[in-house]
């Protein structure tokens, strides 16, 4: 994932968490420092992120193979 807007523009990282209820994505490397020095992840809206690559797994490859045979 690449962040397109905001303070973390042009930062690339992996998705660590997706909050479907609030519609937010958490990307590794996008953190804020609290007053006591602890690091917390900052959520990002999906329209501010560009997807660079998909994770490969067995289910996804089966679906892609099935779709390529049909067409």
PDB file of N, CA and C in Angstrom:
ATOM      1  N   UNK A   1       0.827  -1.162   0.000  1.00  0.00           N
ATOM      2  CA  UNK A   1       0.000   0.000   0.000  1.00  0.00           C
ATOM      3  C   UNK A   1       0.884   1.242   0.000  1.00  0.00           C
ATOM      4  N   UNK A   2       0.426   2.251  -0.677  1.00  0.00           N
ATOM      5  CA  UNK A   2       1.116   3.538  -0.680  1.00  0.00           C
ATOM      6  C   UNK A   2       0.105   4.623  -0.273  1.00  0.00           C
ATOM      7  N   UNK A   3       0.511   5.456   0.665  1.00  0.00           N
ATOM      8  CA  UNK A   3      -0.344   6.542   1.127  1.00  0.00           C
ATOM      9  C   UNK A   3      -0.239   7.685   0.128  1.00  0.00           C
ATOM     10  N   UNK A   4      -1.381   8.204  -0.319  1.00  0.00           N
ATOM     11  CA  UNK A   4      -1.406   9.242  -1.350  1.00  0.00           C
ATOM     12  C   UNK A   4      -1.556  10.654  -0.796  1.00  0.00           C
ATOM     13  N   UNK A   5      -2.193  10.814   0.361  1.00  0.00           N
ATOM     14  CA  UNK A   5      -2.447  12.145   0.903  1.00  0.00           C
ATOM     15  C   UNK A   5      -2.104  12.189   2.381  1.00  0.00           C
ATOM     16  N   UNK A   6      -1.879  13.388   2.876  1.00  0.00           N
ATOM     17  CA  UNK A   6      -1.700  13.586   4.307  1.00  0.00           C
ATOM     18  C   UNK A   6      -0.247  13.658   4.738  1.00  0.00           C
ATOM     19  N   UNK A   7      -0.029  13.549   6.046  1.00  0.00           N
ATOM     20  CA  UNK A   7       1.306  13.667   6.621  1.00  0.00           C
ATOM     21  C   UNK A   7       2.228  12.518   6.208  1.00  0.00           C
ATOM     22  N   UNK A   8       1.670  11.374   5.897  1.00  0.00           N
ATOM     23  CA  UNK A   8       2.465  10.192   5.561  1.00  0.00           C
ATOM     24  C   UNK A   8       2.480   9.929   4.053  1.00  0.00           C
ATOM     25  N   UNK A   9       2.350  10.973   3.263  1.00  0.00           N
ATOM     26  CA  UNK A   9       2.325  10.859   1.804  1.00  0.00           C
ATOM     27  C   UNK A   9       3.579  10.163   1.293  1.00  0.00           C
ATOM     28  N   UNK A  10       3.411   9.264   0.324  1.00  0.00           N
ATOM     29  CA  UNK A  10       4.462   8.493  -0.341  1.00  0.00           C
ATOM     30  C   UNK A  10       5.063   7.396   0.537  1.00  0.00           C
ATOM     31  N   UNK A  11       4.502   7.142   1.709  1.00  0.00           N
ATOM     32  CA  UNK A  11       4.974   6.068   2.560  1.00  0.00           C
ATOM     33  C   UNK A  11       4.361   4.752   2.092  1.00  0.00           C
ATOM     34  N   UNK A  12       5.168   3.703   2.033  1.00  0.00           N
ATOM     35  CA  UNK A  12       4.690   2.395   1.627  1.00  0.00           C
ATOM     36  C   UNK A  12       4.787   1.441   2.801  1.00  0.00           C
ATOM     37  N   UNK A  13       3.790   0.577   2.945  1.00  0.00           N
ATOM     38  CA  UNK A  13       3.784  -0.391   4.022  1.00  0.00           C
ATOM     39  C   UNK A  13       2.703  -1.431   3.804  1.00  0.00           C
ATOM     40  N   UNK A  14       2.658  -2.401   4.700  1.00  0.00           N
ATOM     41  CA  UNK A  14       1.674  -3.470   4.625  1.00  0.00           C
ATOM     42  C   UNK A  14       0.466  -3.123   5.490  1.00  0.00           C
ATOM     43  N   UNK A  15      -0.663  -3.672   5.124  1.00  0.00           N
ATOM     44  CA  UNK A  15      -1.873  -3.472   5.909  1.00  0.00           C
ATOM     45  C   UNK A  15      -1.780  -4.358   7.146  1.00  0.00           C
ATOM     46  N   UNK A  16      -1.947  -3.762   8.328  1.00  0.00           N
ATOM     47  CA  UNK A  16      -1.887  -4.524   9.566  1.00  0.00           C
ATOM     48  C   UNK A  16      -3.271  -4.823  10.114  1.00  0.00           C
ATOM     49  N   UNK A  17      -4.242  -3.952   9.834  1.00  0.00           N
ATOM     50  CA  UNK A  17      -5.583  -4.121  10.377  1.00  0.00           C
ATOM     51  C   UNK A  17      -6.566  -3.372   9.504  1.00  0.00           C
ATOM     52  N   UNK A  18      -7.767  -3.917   9.372  1.00  0.00           N
ATOM     53  CA  UNK A  18      -8.847  -3.254   8.641  1.00  0.00           C
ATOM     54  C   UNK A  18     -10.054  -3.167   9.565  1.00  0.00           C
ATOM     55  N   UNK A  19     -10.554  -1.961   9.770  1.00  0.00           N
ATOM     56  CA  UNK A  19     -11.736  -1.741  10.598  1.00  0.00           C
ATOM     57  C   UNK A  19     -12.911  -1.519   9.652  1.00  0.00           C
ATOM     58  N   UNK A  20     -13.718  -2.570   9.440  1.00  0.00           N
ATOM     59  CA  UNK A  20     -14.814  -2.478   8.481  1.00  0.00           C
ATOM     60  C   UNK A  20     -15.983  -1.663   9.016  1.00  0.00           C
ATOM     61  N   UNK A  21     -16.151  -1.621  10.339  1.00  0.00           N
ATOM     62  CA  UNK A  21     -17.254  -0.866  10.914  1.00  0.00           C
ATOM     63  C   UNK A  21     -17.046   0.636  10.740  1.00  0.00           C
ATOM     64  N   UNK A  22     -15.827   1.115  10.982  1.00  0.00           N
ATOM     65  CA  UNK A  22     -15.511   2.538  10.833  1.00  0.00           C
ATOM     66  C   UNK A  22     -14.926   2.865   9.471  1.00  0.00           C
ATOM     67  N   UNK A  23     -14.708   1.856   8.635  1.00  0.00           N
ATOM     68  CA  UNK A  23     -14.146   2.008   7.286  1.00  0.00           C
ATOM     69  C   UNK A  23     -12.769   2.668   7.316  1.00  0.00           C
ATOM     70  N   UNK A  24     -11.842   2.067   8.076  1.00  0.00           N
ATOM     71  CA  UNK A  24     -10.487   2.578   8.207  1.00  0.00           C
ATOM     72  C   UNK A  24      -9.481   1.468   7.969  1.00  0.00           C
ATOM     73  N   UNK A  25      -8.294   1.849   7.505  1.00  0.00           N
ATOM     74  CA  UNK A  25      -7.205   0.911   7.258  1.00  0.00           C
ATOM     75  C   UNK A  25      -6.007   1.356   8.079  1.00  0.00           C
ATOM     76  N   UNK A  26      -5.334   0.384   8.681  1.00  0.00           N
ATOM     77  CA  UNK A  26      -4.116   0.653   9.440  1.00  0.00           C
ATOM     78  C   UNK A  26      -2.935   0.101   8.647  1.00  0.00           C
ATOM     79  N   UNK A  27      -1.938   0.944   8.369  1.00  0.00           N
ATOM     80  CA  UNK A  27      -0.773   0.585   7.569  1.00  0.00           C
ATOM     81  C   UNK A  27       0.462   0.615   8.465  1.00  0.00           C
ATOM     82  N   UNK A  28       1.335  -0.385   8.291  1.00  0.00           N
ATOM     83  CA  UNK A  28       2.554  -0.411   9.094  1.00  0.00           C
ATOM     84  C   UNK A  28       3.430   0.783   8.735  1.00  0.00           C
ATOM     85  N   UNK A  29       3.990   1.411   9.744  1.00  0.00           N
ATOM     86  CA  UNK A  29       4.822   2.587   9.539  1.00  0.00           C
ATOM     87  C   UNK A  29       4.099   3.900   9.732  1.00  0.00           C
ATOM     88  N   UNK A  30       2.777   3.870   9.781  1.00  0.00           N
ATOM     89  CA  UNK A  30       1.985   5.082   9.988  1.00  0.00           C
ATOM     90  C   UNK A  30       1.645   5.141  11.479  1.00  0.00           C
ATOM     91  N   UNK A  31       2.522   5.773  12.245  1.00  0.00           N
ATOM     92  CA  UNK A  31       2.331   5.827  13.688  1.00  0.00           C
ATOM     93  C   UNK A  31       2.450   7.262  14.190  1.00  0.00           C
ATOM     94  N   UNK A  32       1.842   7.505  15.335  1.00  0.00           N
ATOM     95  CA  UNK A  32       1.912   8.793  16.007  1.00  0.00           C
ATOM     96  C   UNK A  32       2.501   8.588  17.394  1.00  0.00           C
ATOM     97  N   UNK A  33       3.179   9.593  17.908  1.00  0.00           N
ATOM     98  CA  UNK A  33       3.723   9.541  19.260  1.00  0.00           C
ATOM     99  C   UNK A  33       2.778  10.257  20.215  1.00  0.00           C
ATOM    100  N   UNK A  34       2.411   9.562  21.276  1.00  0.00           N
ATOM    101  CA  UNK A  34       1.574  10.177  22.305  1.00  0.00           C
ATOM    102  C   UNK A  34       2.456  11.000  23.235  1.00  0.00           C
ATOM    103  N   UNK A  35       1.848  11.738  24.139  1.00  0.00           N
ATOM    104  CA  UNK A  35       2.585  12.615  25.051  1.00  0.00           C
ATOM    105  C   UNK A  35       3.528  11.832  25.960  1.00  0.00           C
ATOM    106  N   UNK A  36       3.155  10.590  26.306  1.00  0.00           N
ATOM    107  CA  UNK A  36       4.017   9.799  27.175  1.00  0.00           C
ATOM    108  C   UNK A  36       5.076   9.012  26.399  1.00  0.00           C
ATOM    109  N   UNK A  37       5.124   9.169  25.084  1.00  0.00           N
ATOM    110  CA  UNK A  37       6.163   8.548  24.273  1.00  0.00           C
ATOM    111  C   UNK A  37       5.770   7.246  23.603  1.00  0.00           C
ATOM    112  N   UNK A  38       4.602   6.716  23.888  1.00  0.00           N
ATOM    113  CA  UNK A  38       4.182   5.467  23.254  1.00  0.00           C
ATOM    114  C   UNK A  38       3.739   5.726  21.827  1.00  0.00           C
ATOM    115  N   UNK A  39       3.926   4.731  20.986  1.00  0.00           N
ATOM    116  CA  UNK A  39       3.562   4.816  19.581  1.00  0.00           C
ATOM    117  C   UNK A  39       2.204   4.153  19.364  1.00  0.00           C
ATOM    118  N   UNK A  40       1.316   4.812  18.628  1.00  0.00           N
ATOM    119  CA  UNK A  40       0.035   4.232  18.248  1.00  0.00           C
ATOM    120  C   UNK A  40      -0.113   4.324  16.738  1.00  0.00           C
ATOM    121  N   UNK A  41      -0.865   3.386  16.165  1.00  0.00           N
ATOM    122  CA  UNK A  41      -1.093   3.415  14.728  1.00  0.00           C
ATOM    123  C   UNK A  41      -2.186   4.415  14.403  1.00  0.00           C
ATOM    124  N   UNK A  42      -1.996   5.131  13.317  1.00  0.00           N
ATOM    125  CA  UNK A  42      -2.977   6.115  12.886  1.00  0.00           C
ATOM    126  C   UNK A  42      -3.815   5.510  11.766  1.00  0.00           C
ATOM    127  N   UNK A  43      -5.139   5.543  11.879  1.00  0.00           N
ATOM    128  CA  UNK A  43      -5.985   4.995  10.817  1.00  0.00           C
ATOM    129  C   UNK A  43      -6.016   5.924   9.605  1.00  0.00           C
ATOM    130  N   UNK A  44      -6.200   5.321   8.431  1.00  0.00           N
ATOM    131  CA  UNK A  44      -6.234   6.070   7.172  1.00  0.00           C
ATOM    132  C   UNK A  44      -7.486   5.658   6.412  1.00  0.00           C
ATOM    133  N   UNK A  45      -8.116   6.600   5.769  1.00  0.00           N
ATOM    134  CA  UNK A  45      -9.285   6.311   4.944  1.00  0.00           C
ATOM    135  C   UNK A  45      -8.848   5.573   3.672  1.00  0.00           C
ATOM    136  N   UNK A  46      -9.663   4.647   3.177  1.00  0.00           N
ATOM    137  CA  UNK A  46      -9.272   3.850   2.005  1.00  0.00           C
ATOM    138  C   UNK A  46      -9.057   4.661   0.737  1.00  0.00           C
ATOM    139  N   UNK A  47      -9.728   5.802   0.591  1.00  0.00           N
ATOM    140  CA  UNK A  47      -9.564   6.586  -0.630  1.00  0.00           C
ATOM    141  C   UNK A  47      -8.250   7.367  -0.640  1.00  0.00           C
ATOM    142  N   UNK A  48      -7.484   7.327   0.444  1.00  0.00           N
ATOM    143  CA  UNK A  48      -6.175   7.969   0.496  1.00  0.00           C
ATOM    144  C   UNK A  48      -5.038   6.967   0.312  1.00  0.00           C
ATOM    145  N   UNK A  49      -5.354   5.761  -0.107  1.00  0.00           N
ATOM    146  CA  UNK A  49      -4.363   4.696  -0.235  1.00  0.00           C
ATOM    147  C   UNK A  49      -4.427   4.104  -1.632  1.00  0.00           C
ATOM    148  N   UNK A  50      -3.270   3.757  -2.185  1.00  0.00           N
ATOM    149  CA  UNK A  50      -3.196   3.080  -3.466  1.00  0.00           C
ATOM    150  C   UNK A  50      -2.697   1.655  -3.239  1.00  0.00           C
ATOM    151  N   UNK A  51      -3.413   0.693  -3.768  1.00  0.00           N
ATOM    152  CA  UNK A  51      -3.060  -0.711  -3.648  1.00  0.00           C
ATOM    153  C   UNK A  51      -1.966  -1.035  -4.659  1.00  0.00           C
ATOM    154  N   UNK A  52      -0.830  -1.567  -4.179  1.00  0.00           N
ATOM    155  CA  UNK A  52       0.290  -1.874  -5.061  1.00  0.00           C
ATOM    156  C   UNK A  52       0.316  -3.339  -5.480  1.00  0.00           C
ATOM    157  N   UNK A  53       0.015  -4.244  -4.563  1.00  0.00           N
ATOM    158  CA  UNK A  53       0.012  -5.668  -4.905  1.00  0.00           C
ATOM    159  C   UNK A  53      -0.933  -6.414  -3.979  1.00  0.00           C
ATOM    160  N   UNK A  54      -1.406  -7.559  -4.440  1.00  0.00           N
ATOM    161  CA  UNK A  54      -2.297  -8.390  -3.657  1.00  0.00           C
ATOM    162  C   UNK A  54      -1.524  -9.545  -3.047  1.00  0.00           C
ATOM    163  N   UNK A  55      -1.950  -9.989  -1.900  1.00  0.00           N
ATOM    164  CA  UNK A  55      -1.337 -11.151  -1.266  1.00  0.00           C
ATOM    165  C   UNK A  55      -1.789 -12.404  -2.003  1.00  0.00           C
ATOM    166  N   UNK A  56      -0.870 -13.302  -2.252  1.00  0.00           N
ATOM    167  CA  UNK A  56      -1.187 -14.550  -2.939  1.00  0.00           C
ATOM    168  C   UNK A  56      -1.511 -15.622  -1.918  1.00  0.00           C
ATOM    169  N   UNK A  57      -2.651 -16.285  -2.092  1.00  0.00           N
ATOM    170  CA  UNK A  57      -2.984 -17.427  -1.269  1.00  0.00           C
ATOM    171  C   UNK A  57      -3.687 -18.459  -2.146  1.00  0.00           C
ATOM    172  N   UNK A  58      -3.932 -19.628  -1.603  1.00  0.00           N
ATOM    173  CA  UNK A  58      -4.486 -20.727  -2.390  1.00  0.00           C
ATOM    174  C   UNK A  58      -5.886 -20.427  -2.910  1.00  0.00           C
ATOM    175  N   UNK A  59      -6.720 -19.835  -2.092  1.00  0.00           N
ATOM    176  CA  UNK A  59      -8.085 -19.544  -2.519  1.00  0.00           C
ATOM    177  C   UNK A  59      -8.118 -18.538  -3.664  1.00  0.00           C
ATOM    178  N   UNK A  60      -7.281 -17.515  -3.590  1.00  0.00           N
ATOM    179  CA  UNK A  60      -7.253 -16.501  -4.629  1.00  0.00           C
ATOM    180  C   UNK A  60      -6.765 -17.094  -5.958  1.00  0.00           C
ATOM    181  N   UNK A  61      -5.756 -17.956  -5.923  1.00  0.00           N
ATOM    182  CA  UNK A  61      -5.258 -18.560  -7.159  1.00  0.00           C
ATOM    183  C   UNK A  61      -6.293 -19.496  -7.763  1.00  0.00           C
ATOM    184  N   UNK A  62      -7.063 -20.215  -6.947  1.00  0.00           N
ATOM    185  CA  UNK A  62      -8.121 -21.085  -7.470  1.00  0.00           C
ATOM    186  C   UNK A  62      -9.189 -20.270  -8.181  1.00  0.00           C
ATOM    187  N   UNK A  63      -9.556 -19.142  -7.589  1.00  0.00           N
ATOM    188  CA  UNK A  63     -10.574 -18.290  -8.200  1.00  0.00           C
ATOM    189  C   UNK A  63     -10.075 -17.729  -9.530  1.00  0.00           C
ATOM    190  N   UNK A  64      -8.822 -17.289  -9.561  1.00  0.00           N
ATOM    191  CA  UNK A  64      -8.264 -16.742 -10.801  1.00  0.00           C
ATOM    192  C   UNK A  64      -8.162 -17.804 -11.885  1.00  0.00           C
ATOM    193  N   UNK A  65      -7.788 -19.015 -11.524  1.00  0.00           N
ATOM    194  CA  UNK A  65      -7.722 -20.110 -12.506  1.00  0.00           C
ATOM    195  C   UNK A  65      -9.096 -20.426 -13.045  1.00  0.00           C
ATOM    196  N   UNK A  66     -10.096 -20.480 -12.170  1.00  0.00           N
ATOM    197  CA  UNK A  66     -11.460 -20.779 -12.586  1.00  0.00           C
ATOM    198  C   UNK A  66     -11.988 -19.716 -13.532  1.00  0.00           C
ATOM    199  N   UNK A  67     -11.697 -18.452 -13.240  1.00  0.00           N
ATOM    200  CA  UNK A  67     -12.180 -17.375 -14.105  1.00  0.00           C
ATOM    201  C   UNK A  67     -11.464 -17.358 -15.449  1.00  0.00           C
ATOM    202  N   UNK A  68     -10.199 -17.757 -15.484  1.00  0.00           N
ATOM    203  CA  UNK A  68      -9.472 -17.747 -16.762  1.00  0.00           C
ATOM    204  C   UNK A  68      -9.953 -18.869 -17.670  1.00  0.00           C
ATOM    205  N   UNK A  69     -10.444 -19.971 -17.122  1.00  0.00           N
ATOM    206  CA  UNK A  69     -10.952 -21.070 -17.932  1.00  0.00           C
ATOM    207  C   UNK A  69     -12.283 -20.725 -18.575  1.00  0.00           C
ATOM    208  N   UNK A  70     -13.085 -19.926 -17.916  1.00  0.00           N
ATOM    209  CA  UNK A  70     -14.417 -19.568 -18.428  1.00  0.00           C
ATOM    210  C   UNK A  70     -14.277 -18.674 -19.651  1.00  0.00           C
ATOM    211  N   UNK A  71     -13.428 -17.663 -19.560  1.00  0.00           N
ATOM    212  CA  UNK A  71     -13.326 -16.682 -20.631  1.00  0.00           C
ATOM    213  C   UNK A  71     -12.377 -17.107 -21.667  1.00  0.00           C
TER     214      UNK A  71
END
